[in-house]
Amino acid sequence: MTIRLGTETYQMEVPMGANLLLEAVSRSIPLPFHCTTGKCGTCQMRVIKGQENLSDYSEQELYRIDGEAISSGYRFACQTYVYGDVTIEAVP
């Protein structure tokens, strides 16, 4: 998994099915977050590549992220599970 956060890039291997936000936080990667339940939207990110290697959108994401943003690859890190190579970009 690769995370772009401003000018920093972090690369790591994560277990199959790992929660994206929890893996980043456990490695001290400063992804913004607040509630961890998909209600606040603070952990919104954009998938650069590897969308097919992520879990399906959760009900919280479908409710809180508009259709245009979804088609542009926006997700909530707290609601996303990793199943292969992926590159994401934190949304400022």
N, C-alpha and C. Protein backbone atom coordinates (compact mmCIF):
# COMPACT_ATOMS: atom_id res chain seq x y z
N MET A 1 0.85 -1.16 0.00
CA MET A 1 0.00 0.00 0.00
C MET A 1 0.90 1.23 0.00
N THR A 2 0.52 2.22 -0.78
CA THR A 2 1.25 3.48 -0.83
C THR A 2 0.28 4.60 -0.45
N ILE A 3 0.72 5.47 0.44
CA ILE A 3 -0.08 6.61 0.87
C ILE A 3 0.69 7.88 0.57
N ARG A 4 0.05 8.77 -0.16
CA ARG A 4 0.62 10.10 -0.41
C ARG A 4 -0.07 11.09 0.51
N LEU A 5 0.73 11.80 1.26
CA LEU A 5 0.21 12.77 2.21
C LEU A 5 1.02 14.04 2.06
N GLY A 6 0.47 15.00 1.31
CA GLY A 6 1.22 16.21 1.00
C GLY A 6 2.43 15.85 0.16
N THR A 7 3.61 16.24 0.60
CA THR A 7 4.84 15.93 -0.14
C THR A 7 5.47 14.62 0.31
N GLU A 8 4.89 13.97 1.31
CA GLU A 8 5.42 12.71 1.84
C GLU A 8 4.75 11.52 1.16
N THR A 9 5.52 10.45 0.97
CA THR A 9 4.99 9.20 0.45
C THR A 9 5.41 8.08 1.39
N TYR A 10 4.44 7.27 1.79
CA TYR A 10 4.67 6.15 2.71
C TYR A 10 4.32 4.85 1.97
N GLN A 11 5.19 3.85 2.08
CA GLN A 11 4.92 2.55 1.49
C GLN A 11 4.99 1.50 2.58
N MET A 12 4.06 0.54 2.52
CA MET A 12 4.03 -0.50 3.55
C MET A 12 3.32 -1.73 3.01
N GLU A 13 3.59 -2.84 3.61
CA GLU A 13 2.84 -4.06 3.34
C GLU A 13 1.85 -4.22 4.47
N VAL A 14 0.63 -4.59 4.11
CA VAL A 14 -0.41 -4.78 5.12
C VAL A 14 -1.04 -6.15 4.92
N PRO A 15 -1.58 -6.73 5.99
CA PRO A 15 -2.24 -8.03 5.85
C PRO A 15 -3.47 -7.94 4.94
N MET A 16 -3.78 -9.02 4.26
CA MET A 16 -4.96 -9.09 3.41
C MET A 16 -6.21 -8.80 4.25
N GLY A 17 -7.04 -7.87 3.79
CA GLY A 17 -8.26 -7.53 4.50
C GLY A 17 -8.10 -6.52 5.61
N ALA A 18 -6.92 -5.90 5.69
CA ALA A 18 -6.65 -4.92 6.76
C ALA A 18 -7.41 -3.62 6.51
N ASN A 19 -7.80 -2.97 7.59
CA ASN A 19 -8.45 -1.67 7.51
C ASN A 19 -7.38 -0.62 7.18
N LEU A 20 -7.62 0.16 6.15
CA LEU A 20 -6.64 1.13 5.67
C LEU A 20 -6.26 2.15 6.75
N LEU A 21 -7.24 2.73 7.39
CA LEU A 21 -6.96 3.75 8.41
C LEU A 21 -6.19 3.16 9.59
N LEU A 22 -6.63 2.03 10.10
CA LEU A 22 -5.97 1.44 11.27
C LEU A 22 -4.53 1.06 10.97
N GLU A 23 -4.28 0.55 9.78
CA GLU A 23 -2.90 0.21 9.40
C GLU A 23 -2.03 1.46 9.32
N ALA A 24 -2.55 2.53 8.75
CA ALA A 24 -1.78 3.77 8.65
C ALA A 24 -1.48 4.34 10.03
N VAL A 25 -2.49 4.41 10.87
CA VAL A 25 -2.32 4.97 12.21
C VAL A 25 -1.36 4.12 13.04
N SER A 26 -1.44 2.80 12.90
CA SER A 26 -0.54 1.93 13.68
C SER A 26 0.92 2.11 13.28
N ARG A 27 1.16 2.70 12.11
CA ARG A 27 2.52 2.97 11.65
C ARG A 27 2.88 4.46 11.78
N SER A 28 2.09 5.19 12.55
CA SER A 28 2.30 6.62 12.81
C SER A 28 2.24 7.48 11.55
N ILE A 29 1.47 7.04 10.55
CA ILE A 29 1.25 7.86 9.36
C ILE A 29 0.10 8.81 9.71
N PRO A 30 0.33 10.11 9.62
CA PRO A 30 -0.64 11.07 10.13
C PRO A 30 -1.85 11.32 9.21
N LEU A 31 -2.59 10.26 8.87
CA LEU A 31 -3.83 10.46 8.12
C LEU A 31 -4.83 11.15 9.03
N PRO A 32 -5.52 12.15 8.53
CA PRO A 32 -6.52 12.82 9.37
C PRO A 32 -7.71 11.89 9.61
N PHE A 33 -8.22 11.87 10.83
CA PHE A 33 -9.43 11.10 11.15
C PHE A 33 -10.02 11.63 12.44
N HIS A 34 -11.27 11.27 12.69
CA HIS A 34 -11.91 11.69 13.93
C HIS A 34 -12.74 10.56 14.52
N CYS A 35 -13.81 10.16 13.83
CA CYS A 35 -14.77 9.24 14.45
C CYS A 35 -14.49 7.76 14.22
N THR A 36 -13.84 7.38 13.17
CA THR A 36 -13.54 6.00 12.75
C THR A 36 -14.77 5.17 12.39
N THR A 37 -15.93 5.80 12.20
CA THR A 37 -17.15 5.06 11.87
C THR A 37 -17.76 5.50 10.54
N GLY A 38 -17.12 6.41 9.83
CA GLY A 38 -17.64 6.87 8.55
C GLY A 38 -18.68 7.96 8.65
N LYS A 39 -18.89 8.52 9.82
CA LYS A 39 -19.92 9.54 10.00
C LYS A 39 -19.40 10.97 9.81
N CYS A 40 -18.10 11.19 10.10
CA CYS A 40 -17.59 12.56 10.05
C CYS A 40 -16.98 12.92 8.70
N GLY A 41 -16.43 11.95 7.98
CA GLY A 41 -15.82 12.21 6.68
C GLY A 41 -14.42 12.79 6.75
N THR A 42 -13.85 12.92 7.94
CA THR A 42 -12.53 13.50 8.10
C THR A 42 -11.44 12.70 7.40
N CYS A 43 -11.60 11.39 7.32
CA CYS A 43 -10.56 10.53 6.74
C CYS A 43 -10.75 10.32 5.23
N GLN A 44 -11.45 11.23 4.58
CA GLN A 44 -11.67 11.09 3.14
C GLN A 44 -10.34 11.08 2.40
N MET A 45 -10.23 10.21 1.42
CA MET A 45 -9.02 10.07 0.62
C MET A 45 -9.43 9.79 -0.81
N ARG A 46 -8.46 9.80 -1.72
CA ARG A 46 -8.73 9.50 -3.12
C ARG A 46 -7.85 8.34 -3.55
N VAL A 47 -8.46 7.37 -4.20
CA VAL A 47 -7.71 6.22 -4.69
C VAL A 47 -7.07 6.60 -6.02
N ILE A 48 -5.74 6.52 -6.08
CA ILE A 48 -4.99 6.84 -7.30
C ILE A 48 -4.95 5.62 -8.21
N LYS A 49 -4.66 4.45 -7.62
CA LYS A 49 -4.71 3.20 -8.39
C LYS A 49 -4.97 2.05 -7.44
N GLY A 50 -5.59 1.01 -7.98
CA GLY A 50 -5.86 -0.18 -7.20
C GLY A 50 -7.25 -0.25 -6.59
N GLN A 51 -8.20 0.52 -7.09
CA GLN A 51 -9.57 0.50 -6.56
C GLN A 51 -10.12 -0.93 -6.51
N GLU A 52 -9.74 -1.75 -7.50
CA GLU A 52 -10.21 -3.14 -7.55
C GLU A 52 -9.66 -3.99 -6.41
N ASN A 53 -8.67 -3.48 -5.69
CA ASN A 53 -8.06 -4.20 -4.57
C ASN A 53 -8.57 -3.73 -3.22
N LEU A 54 -9.68 -3.00 -3.25
CA LEU A 54 -10.28 -2.49 -2.02
C LEU A 54 -11.67 -3.07 -1.83
N SER A 55 -12.15 -3.03 -0.61
CA SER A 55 -13.51 -3.48 -0.31
C SER A 55 -14.52 -2.62 -1.06
N ASP A 56 -15.74 -3.12 -1.17
CA ASP A 56 -16.82 -2.34 -1.76
C ASP A 56 -17.12 -1.14 -0.87
N TYR A 57 -17.79 -0.15 -1.43
CA TYR A 57 -18.18 1.02 -0.66
C TYR A 57 -19.14 0.60 0.45
N SER A 58 -18.95 1.17 1.64
CA SER A 58 -19.84 0.89 2.77
C SER A 58 -21.10 1.75 2.64
N GLU A 59 -22.11 1.42 3.42
CA GLU A 59 -23.33 2.24 3.43
C GLU A 59 -23.02 3.67 3.83
N GLN A 60 -22.12 3.86 4.80
CA GLN A 60 -21.74 5.21 5.24
C GLN A 60 -21.13 6.01 4.08
N GLU A 61 -20.26 5.36 3.32
CA GLU A 61 -19.62 6.05 2.19
C GLU A 61 -20.67 6.41 1.14
N LEU A 62 -21.52 5.48 0.80
CA LEU A 62 -22.54 5.74 -0.22
C LEU A 62 -23.50 6.85 0.21
N TYR A 63 -23.74 6.96 1.50
CA TYR A 63 -24.63 7.99 2.03
C TYR A 63 -23.94 9.36 2.07
N ARG A 64 -22.65 9.38 2.42
CA ARG A 64 -21.97 10.66 2.68
C ARG A 64 -21.13 11.20 1.52
N ILE A 65 -20.75 10.34 0.56
CA ILE A 65 -19.92 10.80 -0.56
C ILE A 65 -20.81 10.89 -1.79
N ASP A 66 -20.82 12.05 -2.46
CA ASP A 66 -21.70 12.16 -3.62
C ASP A 66 -21.20 11.33 -4.80
N GLY A 67 -22.10 11.07 -5.74
CA GLY A 67 -21.81 10.18 -6.87
C GLY A 67 -20.63 10.60 -7.71
N GLU A 68 -20.47 11.90 -7.92
CA GLU A 68 -19.33 12.38 -8.72
C GLU A 68 -18.01 12.09 -8.01
N ALA A 69 -17.99 12.30 -6.71
CA ALA A 69 -16.77 12.03 -5.94
C ALA A 69 -16.48 10.52 -5.91
N ILE A 70 -17.51 9.71 -5.80
CA ILE A 70 -17.32 8.26 -5.83
C ILE A 70 -16.71 7.84 -7.15
N SER A 71 -17.23 8.38 -8.26
CA SER A 71 -16.68 8.00 -9.57
C SER A 71 -15.27 8.55 -9.77
N SER A 72 -14.86 9.53 -8.96
CA SER A 72 -13.49 10.05 -9.01
C SER A 72 -12.56 9.31 -8.05
N GLY A 73 -13.08 8.30 -7.34
CA GLY A 73 -12.24 7.47 -6.49
C GLY A 73 -12.15 7.86 -5.04
N TYR A 74 -13.06 8.71 -4.57
CA TYR A 74 -13.00 9.13 -3.17
C TYR A 74 -13.59 8.05 -2.26
N ARG A 75 -12.94 7.86 -1.12
CA ARG A 75 -13.33 6.86 -0.13
C ARG A 75 -13.08 7.43 1.26
N PHE A 76 -13.58 6.74 2.29
CA PHE A 76 -13.23 7.01 3.67
C PHE A 76 -12.24 5.94 4.10
N ALA A 77 -11.08 6.33 4.60
CA ALA A 77 -10.06 5.36 5.01
C ALA A 77 -10.58 4.41 6.09
N CYS A 78 -11.43 4.90 6.97
CA CYS A 78 -11.93 4.06 8.07
C CYS A 78 -12.88 2.98 7.59
N GLN A 79 -13.44 3.14 6.41
CA GLN A 79 -14.41 2.18 5.88
C GLN A 79 -13.82 1.30 4.79
N THR A 80 -12.52 1.40 4.55
CA THR A 80 -11.88 0.74 3.42
C THR A 80 -10.93 -0.36 3.89
N TYR A 81 -11.07 -1.53 3.26
CA TYR A 81 -10.24 -2.69 3.57
C TYR A 81 -9.41 -3.05 2.35
N VAL A 82 -8.16 -3.39 2.58
CA VAL A 82 -7.18 -3.58 1.51
C VAL A 82 -7.00 -5.07 1.19
N TYR A 83 -7.06 -5.38 -0.13
CA TYR A 83 -6.90 -6.78 -0.59
C TYR A 83 -5.84 -6.91 -1.68
N GLY A 84 -4.97 -5.92 -1.81
CA GLY A 84 -3.91 -5.97 -2.82
C GLY A 84 -3.24 -4.61 -2.93
N ASP A 85 -2.44 -4.44 -3.96
CA ASP A 85 -1.71 -3.18 -4.15
C ASP A 85 -2.67 -2.01 -4.40
N VAL A 86 -2.40 -0.92 -3.71
CA VAL A 86 -3.23 0.27 -3.83
C VAL A 86 -2.38 1.49 -3.54
N THR A 87 -2.69 2.58 -4.22
CA THR A 87 -2.08 3.88 -3.94
C THR A 87 -3.20 4.85 -3.64
N ILE A 88 -3.10 5.52 -2.51
CA ILE A 88 -4.12 6.51 -2.13
C ILE A 88 -3.46 7.84 -1.84
N GLU A 89 -4.28 8.88 -1.90
CA GLU A 89 -3.83 10.24 -1.61
C GLU A 89 -4.77 10.82 -0.56
N ALA A 90 -4.21 11.33 0.52
CA ALA A 90 -5.02 11.96 1.55
C ALA A 90 -5.59 13.27 0.99
N VAL A 91 -6.82 13.56 1.36
CA VAL A 91 -7.48 14.78 0.91
C VAL A 91 -7.26 15.85 1.97
N PRO A 92 -6.66 17.00 1.57
CA PRO A 92 -6.38 18.05 2.57
C PRO A 92 -7.65 18.67 3.14
